[in-house]
Protein backbone atom coordinates (compact mmCIF):
# COMPACT_ATOMS: atom_id res chain seq x y z
CA UNK A 1 13.33 -14.17 28.73
CA UNK A 2 16.16 -12.09 27.26
CA UNK A 3 17.28 -8.53 27.96
CA UNK A 4 18.51 -6.10 25.31
CA UNK A 5 20.87 -3.54 26.83
CA UNK A 6 22.82 -0.46 25.73
CA UNK A 7 20.35 0.44 22.98
CA UNK A 8 18.74 3.67 21.91
CA UNK A 9 15.10 2.56 21.87
CA UNK A 10 12.57 4.97 20.34
CA UNK A 11 9.20 3.78 21.62
CA UNK A 12 6.83 5.81 19.38
CA UNK A 13 4.39 5.91 22.31
CA UNK A 14 2.26 8.92 23.25
CA UNK A 15 5.05 10.50 25.33
CA UNK A 16 7.78 9.84 22.72
CA UNK A 17 9.68 7.87 25.34
CA UNK A 18 13.23 6.74 24.70
CA UNK A 19 15.04 4.18 26.86
CA UNK A 20 18.11 1.92 26.85
CA UNK A 21 16.87 -1.48 28.10
CA UNK A 22 14.13 -3.77 26.79
CA UNK A 23 13.21 -7.27 27.95
CA UNK A 24 11.47 -9.80 25.70
CA UNK A 25 9.46 -12.77 26.89
CA UNK A 26 8.57 -15.02 23.96
CA UNK A 27 6.92 -12.82 21.34
CA UNK A 28 6.09 -9.92 23.67
CA UNK A 29 7.83 -7.00 25.31
CA UNK A 30 8.08 -7.62 29.06
CA UNK A 31 9.90 -4.50 30.25
CA UNK A 32 11.23 -1.15 29.06
CA UNK A 33 13.40 1.31 30.97
CA UNK A 34 16.93 2.49 31.65
CA UNK A 35 17.90 -0.05 34.32
CA UNK A 36 17.74 -3.82 34.59
CA UNK A 37 15.24 -4.79 37.33
CA UNK A 38 16.36 -7.30 39.97
CA UNK A 39 13.96 -9.96 38.68
CA UNK A 40 15.69 -9.84 35.29
CA UNK A 41 19.25 -9.71 36.60
CA UNK A 42 19.96 -13.36 35.78
CA UNK A 43 18.41 -13.31 32.29
CA UNK A 44 20.64 -13.55 29.18
CA UNK A 45 21.85 -10.10 28.08
CA UNK A 46 22.30 -8.86 24.51
CA UNK A 47 24.44 -5.73 24.06
CA UNK A 48 22.94 -3.52 21.31
CA UNK A 49 26.15 -1.41 21.14
CA UNK A 50 24.28 1.88 21.09
CA UNK A 51 22.26 1.07 17.98
CA UNK A 52 18.90 2.74 17.40
CA UNK A 53 15.87 0.45 17.77
CA UNK A 54 12.41 1.42 16.50
CA UNK A 55 9.10 -0.44 16.11
CA UNK A 56 8.75 -2.50 12.94
CA UNK A 57 7.35 -0.46 10.07
CA UNK A 58 3.85 -0.63 8.60
CA UNK A 59 2.43 -0.24 5.12
CA UNK A 60 -1.17 0.91 5.26
CA UNK A 61 -2.11 0.61 1.62
CA UNK A 62 -0.93 -2.04 -0.77
CA UNK A 63 -2.36 -4.63 -3.12
CA UNK A 64 -0.37 -7.51 -1.68
CA UNK A 65 -1.47 -10.30 -4.00
CA UNK A 66 -0.95 -8.09 -7.05
CA UNK A 67 2.46 -7.08 -5.72
CA UNK A 68 3.26 -10.76 -5.23
CA UNK A 69 2.07 -11.62 -8.74
CA UNK A 70 4.07 -8.94 -10.51
CA UNK A 71 7.23 -9.90 -8.60
CA UNK A 72 7.00 -13.24 -10.44
CA UNK A 73 6.90 -11.58 -13.88
CA UNK A 74 8.55 -8.57 -15.51
CA UNK A 75 8.97 -5.11 -13.98
CA UNK A 76 9.66 -2.69 -16.85
CA UNK A 77 9.92 0.45 -14.74
CA UNK A 78 13.64 0.75 -15.38
CA UNK A 79 13.43 0.29 -19.16
CA UNK A 80 15.00 3.28 -20.90
CA UNK A 81 13.22 2.70 -24.21
CA UNK A 82 10.83 0.30 -25.94
CA UNK A 83 13.69 -1.81 -27.30
CA UNK A 84 15.01 -2.42 -23.80
CA UNK A 85 11.46 -3.14 -22.62
CA UNK A 86 11.17 -5.80 -25.31
CA UNK A 87 14.52 -7.29 -24.29
CA UNK A 88 13.26 -7.59 -20.70
CA UNK A 89 10.11 -9.37 -21.85
CA UNK A 90 11.97 -11.76 -24.17
CA UNK A 91 14.51 -12.59 -21.46
CA UNK A 92 11.63 -13.63 -19.22
CA UNK A 93 9.90 -15.76 -21.85
CA UNK A 94 13.23 -17.46 -22.67
CA UNK A 95 13.42 -18.70 -19.09
CA UNK A 96 9.69 -19.56 -18.94
CA UNK A 97 9.14 -21.57 -22.15
CA UNK A 98 5.84 -23.03 -20.88
CA UNK A 99 4.25 -19.65 -20.12
CA UNK A 100 0.90 -19.14 -21.85
CA UNK A 101 0.67 -15.40 -21.22
CA UNK A 102 2.84 -12.62 -19.90
CA UNK A 103 1.76 -9.97 -17.38
CA UNK A 104 4.19 -7.10 -16.87
CA UNK A 105 4.20 -3.91 -14.83
CA UNK A 106 5.38 -0.34 -14.73
CA UNK A 107 5.38 1.36 -18.14
CA UNK A 108 5.51 5.17 -18.02
CA UNK A 109 5.80 7.85 -20.67
CA UNK A 110 8.19 9.78 -18.44
CA UNK A 111 11.01 7.24 -18.15
CA UNK A 112 11.55 6.17 -21.79
CA UNK A 113 13.22 8.11 -24.59
CA UNK A 114 10.07 7.80 -26.73
CA UNK A 115 8.26 10.03 -24.17
CA UNK A 116 5.01 8.19 -24.74
CA UNK A 117 3.29 5.05 -23.54
CA UNK A 118 3.67 1.88 -25.61
CA UNK A 119 0.70 0.86 -27.72
CA UNK A 120 -0.60 -2.41 -29.12
CA UNK A 121 1.63 -2.20 -32.21
CA UNK A 122 4.71 -1.70 -30.00
CA UNK A 123 3.82 -4.72 -27.88
CA UNK A 124 3.20 -6.83 -30.97
CA UNK A 125 6.82 -6.22 -31.97
CA UNK A 126 8.00 -7.39 -28.54
CA UNK A 127 6.31 -10.80 -28.26
CA UNK A 128 3.72 -13.11 -29.81
CA UNK A 129 2.72 -14.29 -26.34
CA UNK A 130 -0.49 -12.70 -24.99
CA UNK A 131 0.88 -9.67 -23.11
CA UNK A 132 -0.58 -7.14 -20.71
CA UNK A 133 1.54 -4.32 -19.32
CA UNK A 134 -0.05 -2.51 -16.39
CA UNK A 135 0.75 1.21 -16.24
CA UNK A 136 2.94 2.39 -13.36
CA UNK A 137 -0.01 3.91 -11.45
CA UNK A 138 -2.06 0.70 -11.49
CA UNK A 139 -5.06 2.37 -13.16
CA UNK A 140 -4.65 1.43 -16.80
CA UNK A 141 -3.00 -1.22 -18.97
CA UNK A 142 -2.11 -1.97 -22.57
CA UNK A 143 -2.58 -5.30 -24.36
CA UNK A 144 -1.07 -6.76 -27.50
CA UNK A 145 -3.09 -8.29 -30.33
CA UNK A 146 -2.63 -11.85 -29.05
CA UNK A 147 -4.25 -10.97 -25.73
CA UNK A 148 -6.97 -8.81 -27.27
CA UNK A 149 -8.01 -11.82 -29.36
CA UNK A 150 -8.66 -13.66 -26.08
CA UNK A 151 -10.55 -10.91 -24.28
CA UNK A 152 -14.23 -11.60 -23.61
CA UNK A 153 -16.89 -9.28 -25.02
CA UNK A 154 -17.38 -7.51 -21.68
CA UNK A 155 -13.85 -6.12 -22.01
CA UNK A 156 -13.98 -5.35 -25.73
CA UNK A 157 -17.39 -3.63 -25.49
CA UNK A 158 -16.49 -1.46 -22.51
CA UNK A 159 -16.11 2.26 -23.35
CA UNK A 160 -12.77 2.27 -21.54
CA UNK A 161 -11.18 -0.05 -24.12
CA UNK A 162 -9.40 1.64 -27.04
CA UNK A 163 -9.25 -0.90 -29.86
CA UNK A 164 -6.85 1.25 -31.90
CA UNK A 165 -4.14 1.45 -29.22
CA UNK A 166 -4.90 -1.59 -27.06
CA UNK A 167 -5.24 0.55 -23.93
CA UNK A 168 -7.73 -0.26 -21.18
CA UNK A 169 -8.94 2.50 -18.88
CA UNK A 170 -11.36 2.74 -15.96
CA UNK A 171 -13.84 -0.17 -15.91
CA UNK A 172 -12.27 -1.81 -18.97
CA UNK A 173 -8.99 -1.96 -17.06
CA UNK A 174 -10.58 -3.65 -14.06
CA UNK A 175 -12.35 -6.17 -16.29
CA UNK A 176 -9.15 -6.88 -18.20
CA UNK A 177 -7.14 -7.42 -15.03
CA UNK A 178 -9.86 -9.71 -13.68
CA UNK A 179 -9.65 -11.78 -16.86
CA UNK A 180 -5.86 -12.05 -16.66
CA UNK A 181 -5.56 -12.84 -12.96
CA UNK A 182 -7.86 -15.83 -13.29
CA UNK A 183 -5.21 -17.44 -15.48
CA UNK A 184 -2.51 -17.32 -12.82
CA UNK A 185 -1.41 -20.68 -11.41
CA UNK A 186 -2.25 -21.00 -7.68
CA UNK A 187 1.25 -22.37 -7.04
CA UNK A 188 2.78 -19.36 -8.77
CA UNK A 189 0.71 -17.01 -6.64
CA UNK A 190 1.55 -18.83 -3.39
CA UNK A 191 5.24 -18.79 -4.23
CA UNK A 192 4.97 -15.09 -5.06
CA UNK A 193 3.17 -14.32 -1.80
CA UNK A 194 5.88 -15.90 0.32
CA UNK A 195 8.61 -14.18 -1.68
CA UNK A 196 6.81 -10.82 -1.47
CA UNK A 197 6.23 -11.10 2.28
CA UNK A 198 9.89 -11.88 2.89
CA UNK A 199 10.98 -8.99 0.69
CA UNK A 200 8.72 -6.65 2.68
CA UNK A 201 10.12 -8.00 5.94
CA UNK A 202 13.65 -7.27 4.73
CA UNK A 203 12.55 -3.63 4.40
CA UNK A 204 11.42 -3.68 8.02
CA UNK A 205 7.70 -4.05 7.30
CA UNK A 206 5.94 -6.14 9.93
CA UNK A 207 2.38 -4.82 9.70
CA UNK A 208 0.34 -4.53 6.49
CA UNK A 209 -3.05 -3.24 5.38
CA UNK A 210 -3.83 -4.92 2.08
CA UNK A 211 -6.78 -4.33 -0.22
CA UNK A 212 -7.80 -7.49 -2.05
CA UNK A 213 -10.51 -8.67 -4.40
CA UNK A 214 -9.93 -8.23 -8.12
CA UNK A 215 -12.56 -10.46 -9.64
CA UNK A 216 -11.35 -14.02 -9.16
CA UNK A 217 -14.15 -16.53 -9.52
CA UNK A 218 -15.96 -16.97 -6.20
CA UNK A 219 -13.57 -14.38 -4.70
CA UNK A 220 -10.97 -17.10 -4.22
CA UNK A 221 -8.24 -14.46 -3.83
CA UNK A 222 -9.93 -13.17 -0.68
CA UNK A 223 -10.15 -16.63 0.81
CA UNK A 224 -6.54 -17.30 -0.21
CA UNK A 225 -5.10 -14.26 1.55
CA UNK A 226 -7.24 -14.87 4.63
CA UNK A 227 -5.69 -18.34 4.93
CA UNK A 228 -2.14 -17.78 3.69
CA UNK A 229 -1.53 -14.63 5.77
CA UNK A 230 -1.30 -16.89 8.82
CA UNK A 231 1.89 -18.43 7.43
CA UNK A 232 3.55 -15.13 6.55
CA UNK A 233 5.82 -13.18 8.91
CA UNK A 234 3.71 -9.99 9.03
CA UNK A 235 0.42 -9.10 10.69
CA UNK A 236 -2.09 -8.55 7.85
CA UNK A 237 -5.33 -6.58 7.94
CA UNK A 238 -7.38 -7.41 4.84
CA UNK A 239 -9.84 -4.99 3.23
CA UNK A 240 -12.27 -6.65 0.79
CA UNK A 241 -12.57 -4.51 -2.36
CA UNK A 242 -16.29 -4.85 -2.91
CA UNK A 243 -19.47 -2.85 -2.50
CA UNK A 244 -21.32 -6.06 -1.61
CA UNK A 245 -21.47 -5.69 2.17
CA UNK A 246 -23.13 -9.09 2.60
CA UNK A 247 -20.04 -10.84 1.16
CA UNK A 248 -17.86 -9.30 3.83
CA UNK A 249 -20.26 -9.97 6.67
CA UNK A 250 -20.66 -13.59 5.54
CA UNK A 251 -16.90 -14.10 5.80
CA UNK A 252 -16.88 -12.47 9.25
CA UNK A 253 -14.40 -9.87 8.06
CA UNK A 254 -14.26 -6.45 9.71
CA UNK A 255 -12.88 -4.28 6.88
CA UNK A 256 -14.27 -3.31 3.48
CA UNK A 257 -13.03 -1.14 0.64
CA UNK A 258 -9.89 -0.13 -1.18
CA UNK A 259 -9.53 0.54 -4.90
CA UNK A 260 -11.04 -1.28 -7.91
CA UNK A 261 -14.72 -1.40 -6.84
CA UNK A 262 -14.10 1.34 -4.28
CA UNK A 263 -12.08 3.68 -6.50
CA UNK A 264 -14.21 6.81 -6.54
CA UNK A 265 -12.06 8.39 -9.26
CA UNK A 266 -9.04 7.72 -11.43
CA UNK A 267 -5.52 9.11 -11.05
CA UNK A 268 -3.28 11.95 -12.21
CA UNK A 269 -1.31 9.70 -14.53
CA UNK A 270 -4.39 9.07 -16.67
CA UNK A 271 -5.70 12.59 -16.06
CA UNK A 272 -8.98 11.19 -14.78
CA UNK A 273 -8.73 11.93 -11.06
CA UNK A 274 -11.90 13.88 -10.27
CA UNK A 275 -11.25 17.61 -9.90
CA UNK A 276 -13.54 20.48 -8.96
CA UNK A 277 -11.84 22.60 -11.64
CA UNK A 278 -10.51 21.37 -14.98
CA UNK A 279 -7.00 20.16 -15.68
CA UNK A 280 -4.61 22.97 -16.57
CA UNK A 281 -3.66 21.39 -19.89
CA UNK A 282 -7.30 20.66 -20.77
CA UNK A 283 -9.76 22.87 -18.84
CA UNK A 284 -12.78 20.97 -20.15
CA UNK A 285 -11.53 17.79 -18.49
CA UNK A 286 -12.41 17.40 -14.80
CA UNK A 287 -11.69 13.68 -14.63
CA UNK A 288 -14.47 11.31 -13.67
CA UNK A 289 -16.42 10.05 -10.68
CA UNK A 290 -17.11 6.32 -10.86
CA UNK A 291 -20.35 6.62 -8.86
CA UNK A 292 -23.03 9.12 -8.00
CA UNK A 293 -23.09 10.61 -4.52
CA UNK A 294 -26.24 8.62 -3.77
CA UNK A 295 -24.55 5.34 -4.71
CA UNK A 296 -21.56 6.02 -2.47
CA UNK A 297 -23.84 7.16 0.35
CA UNK A 298 -25.92 3.98 0.12
CA UNK A 299 -22.82 1.79 0.25
CA UNK A 300 -21.35 3.64 3.24
CA UNK A 301 -24.64 3.59 5.12
CA UNK A 302 -24.98 -0.19 4.78
CA UNK A 303 -21.32 -0.90 5.59
CA UNK A 304 -21.35 1.46 8.57
CA UNK A 305 -24.57 -0.06 9.93
CA UNK A 306 -22.89 -3.47 9.66
CA UNK A 307 -20.08 -2.30 11.92
CA UNK A 308 -17.44 -2.49 9.19
CA UNK A 309 -14.42 -0.26 8.83
CA UNK A 310 -14.56 1.39 5.40
CA UNK A 311 -11.76 2.62 3.19
CA UNK A 312 -12.15 4.27 -0.23
CA UNK A 313 -9.81 5.54 -2.95
CA UNK A 314 -10.07 9.28 -3.63
CA UNK A 315 -7.28 11.27 -5.30
CA UNK A 316 -8.81 14.43 -6.78
CA UNK A 317 -10.51 17.04 -4.59
CA UNK A 318 -13.94 16.26 -6.07
CA UNK A 319 -13.57 12.58 -5.14
CA UNK A 320 -12.33 13.53 -1.67
CA UNK A 321 -15.45 15.64 -1.20
CA UNK A 322 -17.65 12.78 -2.37
CA UNK A 323 -16.01 10.35 0.08
CA UNK A 324 -16.29 12.73 3.03
CA UNK A 325 -19.94 13.50 2.22
CA UNK A 326 -20.68 9.77 2.18
CA UNK A 327 -18.91 9.17 5.50
CA UNK A 328 -20.77 12.10 7.05
CA UNK A 329 -24.11 10.77 5.78
CA UNK A 330 -23.40 7.27 7.07
CA UNK A 331 -22.32 8.46 10.51
CA UNK A 332 -25.37 10.69 10.84
CA UNK A 333 -27.56 7.75 9.87
CA UNK A 334 -25.90 5.40 12.38
CA UNK A 335 -23.54 7.22 14.77
CA UNK A 336 -20.47 5.26 15.83
CA UNK A 337 -18.17 6.76 18.41
CA UNK A 338 -15.01 5.23 16.98
CA UNK A 339 -15.56 3.91 13.47
CA UNK A 340 -12.07 4.90 12.21
CA UNK A 341 -13.09 4.97 8.54
CA UNK A 342 -10.23 5.63 6.11
CA UNK A 343 -9.69 7.71 2.99
CA UNK A 344 -6.94 6.36 0.73
CA UNK A 345 -4.60 8.82 -1.00
CA UNK A 346 -6.25 12.20 -0.32
CA UNK A 347 -3.74 13.76 -2.68
CA UNK A 348 -5.67 17.01 -3.13
CA UNK A 349 -7.30 18.03 0.16
CA UNK A 350 -8.10 21.68 0.74
CA UNK A 351 -8.54 23.28 4.16
CA UNK A 352 -12.28 22.55 4.28
CA UNK A 353 -11.78 18.88 3.40
CA UNK A 354 -9.09 18.54 6.06
CA UNK A 355 -11.32 20.19 8.66
CA UNK A 356 -14.24 17.94 7.77
CA UNK A 357 -12.14 14.77 7.79
CA UNK A 358 -10.81 15.67 11.24
CA UNK A 359 -14.32 16.37 12.52
CA UNK A 360 -15.48 12.96 11.28
CA UNK A 361 -12.45 11.11 12.67
CA UNK A 362 -11.31 9.94 9.24
CA UNK A 363 -7.82 8.48 8.83
CA UNK A 364 -5.88 9.51 5.71
CA UNK A 365 -3.74 6.69 4.27
CA UNK A 366 -1.11 8.50 2.18
CA UNK A 367 1.72 7.32 -0.07
CA UNK A 368 4.79 9.54 0.41
CA UNK A 369 6.53 8.00 -2.62
CA UNK A 370 4.05 9.85 -4.84
CA UNK A 371 5.89 13.05 -3.91
CA UNK A 372 9.12 11.80 -5.48
CA UNK A 373 8.06 9.41 -8.23
CA UNK A 374 10.22 9.03 -11.35
CA UNK A 375 7.28 7.54 -13.24
CA UNK A 376 5.19 10.65 -12.50
CA UNK A 377 7.62 13.57 -12.17
CA UNK A 378 6.93 16.98 -10.72
CA UNK A 379 7.16 18.69 -14.12
CA UNK A 380 4.34 16.49 -15.43
CA UNK A 381 2.12 17.19 -12.43
CA UNK A 382 2.69 20.91 -12.86
CA UNK A 383 1.74 20.66 -16.53
CA UNK A 384 -1.64 19.09 -15.75
CA UNK A 385 -2.43 20.73 -12.39
CA UNK A 386 -0.66 24.06 -12.44
CA UNK A 387 -0.32 25.59 -8.96
CA UNK A 388 -2.34 22.72 -7.52
CA UNK A 389 0.73 20.50 -7.93
CA UNK A 390 2.26 22.28 -4.93
CA UNK A 391 -0.77 21.34 -2.84
CA UNK A 392 -0.42 17.55 -3.24
CA UNK A 393 -0.35 15.71 0.11
CA UNK A 394 -0.47 18.62 2.58
CA UNK A 395 0.93 16.47 5.40
CA UNK A 396 1.68 19.29 7.85
CA UNK A 397 -1.83 20.74 7.48
CA UNK A 398 -3.36 17.29 8.00
CA UNK A 399 -1.48 16.61 11.23
CA UNK A 400 -1.93 20.18 12.49
CA UNK A 401 -5.70 19.66 12.13
CA UNK A 402 -5.53 16.51 14.26
CA UNK A 403 -5.95 13.97 11.48
CA UNK A 404 -4.55 10.48 11.91
CA UNK A 405 -2.15 10.08 8.98
CA UNK A 406 -0.66 6.73 8.00
CA UNK A 407 1.87 5.89 5.30
CA UNK A 408 2.09 3.14 2.72
CA UNK A 409 3.27 2.34 -0.79
CA UNK A 410 0.25 1.42 -2.92
CA UNK A 411 2.45 -1.48 -4.08
CA UNK A 412 2.92 -2.57 -6.76
CA UNK A 413 2.59 1.09 -7.89
CA UNK A 414 5.68 2.04 -5.90
CA UNK A 415 8.25 -0.27 -4.36
CA UNK A 416 7.72 -0.43 -0.57
CA UNK A 417 10.53 1.29 1.32
CA UNK A 418 9.53 2.93 4.61
CA UNK A 419 12.92 4.53 5.23
CA UNK A 420 12.66 6.24 1.86
CA UNK A 421 9.08 7.24 2.76
CA UNK A 422 10.16 8.76 6.07
CA UNK A 423 12.84 10.69 4.20
CA UNK A 424 10.28 12.06 1.73
CA UNK A 425 7.87 13.09 4.53
CA UNK A 426 10.67 15.10 6.15
CA UNK A 427 11.87 16.54 2.82
CA UNK A 428 8.48 17.35 1.29
CA UNK A 429 8.75 19.23 -2.06
CA UNK A 430 6.73 21.95 -0.37
CA UNK A 431 8.81 22.69 2.77
CA UNK A 432 5.76 24.12 4.53
CA UNK A 433 4.19 20.65 4.46
CA UNK A 434 7.22 18.69 5.75
CA UNK A 435 6.94 16.54 8.88
CA UNK A 436 9.36 16.17 11.76
CA UNK A 437 11.27 12.86 11.86
CA UNK A 438 9.20 11.69 14.83
CA UNK A 439 5.94 12.47 13.05
CA UNK A 440 7.13 10.74 9.90
CA UNK A 441 8.23 7.71 11.91
CA UNK A 442 4.83 7.53 13.59
CA UNK A 443 3.05 7.50 10.23
CA UNK A 444 4.84 4.17 9.70
CA UNK A 445 4.45 2.73 13.23
CA UNK A 446 1.93 3.58 15.93
CA UNK A 447 -0.55 5.54 13.81
CA UNK A 448 -1.09 2.68 11.33
CA UNK A 449 -1.75 0.29 14.22
CA UNK A 450 -4.17 2.79 15.77
CA UNK A 451 -5.98 3.26 12.46
CA UNK A 452 -7.06 -0.42 12.41
CA UNK A 453 -7.70 -0.91 16.15
CA UNK A 454 -4.40 -2.77 16.66
CA UNK A 455 -2.56 -0.23 18.82
CA UNK A 456 -2.86 -2.44 21.91
CA UNK A 457 -0.61 -4.98 20.22
CA UNK A 458 1.49 -3.28 17.54
CA UNK A 459 3.13 -0.02 16.52
CA UNK A 460 5.19 0.96 19.58
CA UNK A 461 7.74 -0.48 21.97
CA UNK A 462 5.68 -0.83 25.15
CA UNK A 463 5.22 -3.56 27.73
CA UNK A 464 2.73 -6.20 26.61
CA UNK A 465 2.98 -5.44 22.90
CA UNK A 466 4.43 -7.66 20.22
CA UNK A 467 8.22 -7.66 20.12
CA UNK A 468 8.38 -6.42 16.52
CA UNK A 469 11.30 -4.05 16.08
CA UNK A 470 14.17 -2.96 13.86
CA UNK A 471 17.82 -2.25 14.56
CA UNK A 472 19.05 0.78 12.59
CA UNK A 473 22.56 2.03 11.96
CA UNK A 474 21.56 5.67 12.55
CA UNK A 475 19.33 7.66 14.87
CA UNK A 476 16.86 9.03 12.35
CA UNK A 477 15.60 11.57 14.90
CA UNK A 478 18.94 13.35 15.22
CA UNK A 479 20.72 13.09 11.86
CA UNK A 480 20.19 15.83 9.26
CA UNK A 481 16.87 15.22 7.53
CA UNK A 482 18.62 15.13 4.15
CA UNK A 483 20.49 12.00 5.31
CA UNK A 484 17.54 9.93 6.52
CA UNK A 485 17.40 7.86 3.32
CA UNK A 486 20.97 6.65 3.95
CA UNK A 487 19.80 4.78 7.07
CA UNK A 488 20.31 1.01 6.90
CA UNK A 489 18.43 -1.77 8.68
CA UNK A 490 20.87 -4.00 10.59
CA UNK A 491 18.29 -6.41 11.96
CA UNK A 492 14.57 -7.21 11.71
CA UNK A 493 12.83 -8.86 14.66
CA UNK A 494 9.25 -10.12 14.34
CA UNK A 495 7.40 -11.87 17.15
CA UNK A 496 10.51 -11.69 19.30
CA UNK A 497 12.75 -13.52 16.85
CA UNK A 498 15.23 -12.34 14.25
CA UNK A 499 13.67 -12.59 10.81
CA UNK A 500 15.53 -14.76 8.32
CA UNK A 501 14.16 -15.45 4.83
CA UNK A 502 13.34 -19.00 3.79
CA UNK A 503 15.91 -20.81 1.71
CA UNK A 504 13.26 -22.04 -0.74
CA UNK A 505 9.53 -22.11 -1.31
CA UNK A 506 7.76 -25.23 -0.01
CA UNK A 507 4.05 -26.04 -0.08
CA UNK A 508 4.39 -28.46 2.91
CA UNK A 509 6.18 -25.79 4.97
CA UNK A 510 3.56 -23.19 4.03
CA UNK A 511 0.76 -25.61 4.95
CA UNK A 512 2.46 -26.38 8.26
CA UNK A 513 2.63 -22.69 9.17
CA UNK A 514 -1.01 -22.17 8.21
CA UNK A 515 -2.05 -25.10 10.40
CA UNK A 516 0.10 -23.89 13.29
CA UNK A 517 -1.61 -20.49 13.22
CA UNK A 518 -5.09 -21.71 12.24
CA UNK A 519 -6.80 -20.09 15.26
CA UNK A 520 -5.55 -16.66 14.35
CA UNK A 521 -8.30 -14.05 13.87
């Protein structure tokens, strides 16, 4: 037992309690208050010197294995032009002479001087190695000739593949990514997963909702994350990206959905998010819906009857409507008092959609970074959406209506950084939709835990919960909201212990941790 004293603890509980003393027994919180009880008087004391302590942060929508994979390759987001992009790729291949293919991430037309996306001919000039660069939004990719020569017919024949430019959209993109990911070495992926988890922990993230399942043979990626997560520092909740409910039930998993198979529409970056009215720059284009309403209804009915928690990707207002109609149909078919189904993104939600989501008890998993995204700037969104660009992520309206709102990164689309996310929530481009610092903090702490039935163990500093907390150099509730992003993390504590990254990757150490936590749910 140890007692932390002289701290400014922000609990994030229902009453927004703050206190100055917290006792830890093993990996759990044993006491909170402003005085040291007699029974703890002889315990070791740790003076927190007035620092602010908050619950560890959460990320309620990421593609963890994809994030881990792309951390092992080349991130071209910061390339200023195609020449610099090529230099990045060649630098990587020079240090990986045995590489048989090269996956990269992050190209955007808005961050390079060419002001366009690279095409097959541009990639051919960069490398002879089979190359795939995934677009910054994670919904499209471009391949060079060497990789296209390897693609199976199911990719080449898909309508989403453009043979002239090498770009893969919609289903062609998913098929292409599936083909590439099967070529990744298991050791490379394991190393990347440990490195990614430790990077996330350094940002204060101790609780993660990850959507997995991108077409590996026999869904080996699902089985991998379900095993390896036990050796990683965070608590992981895994959503299986499939419409095959039986697969999820067979594995005794409780969560289904995400993107890929559960992406109801596209995204703004590819101008294929499903809209009720056409894009401003092309009124005849309303995006696309991947499924009919009947298909989504049938999936939700079966998953809901099976007692699963469902989450689905919906960005445009037409896709949001489709998702909410399906949830409503499923819950009328088989009422569940507390299903806590989730809608991912919800970028364009009008008043009726917000009202309906609140009535159905739907959680909205948002990504604040989308509001301040160099790869998809405000001027671009205004050019394709017009006035609707000001209506993206109406956070204040959502919370005012009683919706449970949680925050995440959609990594690898954006780089996970909860402090930056809290800053954006409080400094929303539309001031009418800004959150208070406490509300923003809760979207990264207690509300994520509540959204996945984990609020008895995670998300707030309360007796009996996991001792997962962060020491900050500023009180983010009292500093000017414009300064929130300057806050630094001085210490990360997970399961009652200070987090320290591993010195090096080790399969035996990873296996030992998996075995030690083998009984974990």
